C-alpha atoms as a PDB file:
ATOM      1  CA  MET A   1      -5.476   6.684 -13.596  1.00  0.00           C
ATOM      2  CA  HIS A   2      -5.879   9.510 -11.505  1.00  0.00           C
ATOM      3  CA  SER A   3      -8.291   7.969  -9.473  1.00  0.00           C
ATOM      4  CA  LEU A   4      -6.385   5.122  -9.077  1.00  0.00           C
ATOM      5  CA  SER A   5      -3.363   6.413  -8.051  1.00  0.00           C
ATOM      6  CA  SER A   6      -4.484   8.856  -5.448  1.00  0.00           C
ATOM      7  CA  LYS A   7      -5.707   5.033  -4.329  1.00  0.00           C
ATOM      8  CA  LEU A   8      -1.803   3.518  -4.459  1.00  0.00           C
ATOM      9  CA  SER A   9       0.688   4.345  -1.889  1.00  0.00           C
ATOM     10  CA  PRO A  10       3.911   5.783  -3.897  1.00  0.00           C
ATOM     11  CA  LEU A  11       5.421   1.890  -3.648  1.00  0.00           C
ATOM     12  CA  GLN A  12       2.790   0.318  -5.070  1.00  0.00           C
ATOM     13  CA  LEU A  13       2.562   2.616  -8.107  1.00  0.00           C
ATOM     14  CA  GLU A  14       6.435   1.941  -8.387  1.00  0.00           C
ATOM     15  CA  LEU A  15       5.345  -2.219  -8.162  1.00  0.00           C
ATOM     16  CA  LEU A  16       3.077  -1.627 -11.173  1.00  0.00           C
ATOM     17  CA  LYS A  17       5.454   0.114 -13.146  1.00  0.00           C
ATOM     18  CA  VAL A  18       7.959  -3.140 -12.461  1.00  0.00           C
ATOM     19  CA  TYR A  19       4.837  -5.105 -13.283  1.00  0.00           C
ATOM     20  CA  SER A  20       4.191  -3.845 -16.371  1.00  0.00           C
ATOM     21  CA  PHE A  21       6.743  -5.247 -17.485  1.00  0.00           C
ATOM     22  CA  ASN A  22       5.674  -8.490 -17.578  1.00  0.00           C
ATOM     23  CA  PRO A  23       8.903  -9.821 -15.225  1.00  0.00           C
ATOM     24  CA  SER A  24       9.499 -13.112 -15.641  1.00  0.00           C
ATOM     25  CA  GLU A  25       8.740 -15.524 -12.247  1.00  0.00           C
ATOM     26  CA  GLU A  26      12.916 -15.748 -11.652  1.00  0.00           C
ATOM     27  CA  ASP A  27      12.642 -12.069 -11.749  1.00  0.00           C
ATOM     28  CA  LEU A  28       9.798 -11.426  -9.054  1.00  0.00           C
ATOM     29  CA  PHE A  29      11.485 -14.209  -7.167  1.00  0.00           C
ATOM     30  CA  ALA A  30      14.149 -11.650  -6.899  1.00  0.00           C
ATOM     31  CA  ILE A  31      12.115  -8.550  -6.609  1.00  0.00           C
ATOM     32  CA  LYS A  32      10.367 -10.554  -2.983  1.00  0.00           C
ATOM     33  CA  LYS A  33      13.595 -11.229  -1.713  1.00  0.00           C
ATOM     34  CA  MET A  34      15.574  -7.508  -2.197  1.00  0.00           C
ATOM     35  CA  LEU A  35      12.030  -6.107  -0.850  1.00  0.00           C
ATOM     36  CA  ALA A  36      12.141  -8.465   2.154  1.00  0.00           C
ATOM     37  CA  ALA A  37      15.830  -7.823   2.964  1.00  0.00           C
ATOM     38  CA  TYR A  38      15.093  -3.983   2.625  1.00  0.00           C
ATOM     39  CA  PHE A  39      12.158  -4.229   5.237  1.00  0.00           C
ATOM     40  CA  ALA A  40      14.009  -6.318   7.868  1.00  0.00           C
ATOM     41  CA  LYS A  41      16.918  -4.420   7.655  1.00  0.00           C
ATOM     42  CA  LYS A  42      14.696  -1.325   8.768  1.00  0.00           C
ATOM     43  CA  LEU A  43      13.098  -2.955  11.215  1.00  0.00           C
ATOM     44  CA  VAL A  44      16.418  -4.121  12.556  1.00  0.00           C
ATOM     45  CA  GLN A  45      17.529  -0.900  12.870  1.00  0.00           C
ATOM     46  CA  ARG A  46      14.595   1.005  14.272  1.00  0.00           C
ATOM     47  CA  VAL A  47      14.482  -2.266  17.224  1.00  0.00           C
ATOM     48  CA  ASP A  48      18.712  -0.887  17.379  1.00  0.00           C
ATOM     49  CA  GLU A  49      17.284   2.425  17.968  1.00  0.00           C
ATOM     50  CA  ALA A  50      14.452   1.388  20.461  1.00  0.00           C
ATOM     51  CA  VAL A  51      16.692  -1.082  22.026  1.00  0.00           C
ATOM     52  CA  GLU A  52      19.439   1.930  22.749  1.00  0.00           C
ATOM     53  CA  GLN A  53      17.184   4.655  23.833  1.00  0.00           C
ATOM     54  CA  GLN A  54      14.970   2.856  26.027  1.00  0.00           C
ATOM     55  CA  GLY A  55      18.120   0.240  27.753  1.00  0.00           C
ATOM     56  CA  ILE A  56      16.569  -2.949  26.873  1.00  0.00           C
ATOM     57  CA  THR A  57      19.030  -5.835  27.139  1.00  0.00           C
ATOM     58  CA  ALA A  58      19.486  -8.576  24.773  1.00  0.00           C
ATOM     59  CA  GLY A  59      18.237 -11.172  27.449  1.00  0.00           C
ATOM     60  CA  THR A  60      14.938  -8.429  27.846  1.00  0.00           C
ATOM     61  CA  LEU A  61      14.714  -9.146  23.911  1.00  0.00           C
ATOM     62  CA  ASN A  62      15.281 -13.054  23.908  1.00  0.00           C
ATOM     63  CA  SER A  63      12.561 -13.241  26.770  1.00  0.00           C
ATOM     64  CA  TRP A  64      10.093 -11.487  24.460  1.00  0.00           C
ATOM     65  CA  LEU A  65      11.142 -13.955  21.427  1.00  0.00           C
ATOM     66  CA  ASN A  66      10.313 -16.663  23.406  1.00  0.00           C
ATOM     67  CA  GLU A  67       7.056 -15.860  25.027  1.00  0.00           C
ATOM     68  CA  LYS A  68       3.784 -17.730  24.201  1.00  0.00           C
ATOM     69  CA  MET A  69       0.867 -16.236  22.680  1.00  0.00           C
END
C-alpha cells in the first residue's frame, strides 16, 4: 500500500477510505454533491478575489462567459 499511497493524493486516499465502507448509491450521490458544492464555493471565492485584485467588472465577466469557443 505504501507505493500506492505515494501515487495518490491525500483526497484520493480519504475517498478510498469512504468507499471501503461500501456506501449506498444515495450516499455516493450525497458525497458527490458535497464535493461539487465545496469546490464550486472555492472557485467562486478565487474568482471574487481575482475580480477585486484585477479590477474586473461584472460586464467583463459576462462578456467572457458569452464568448464562443
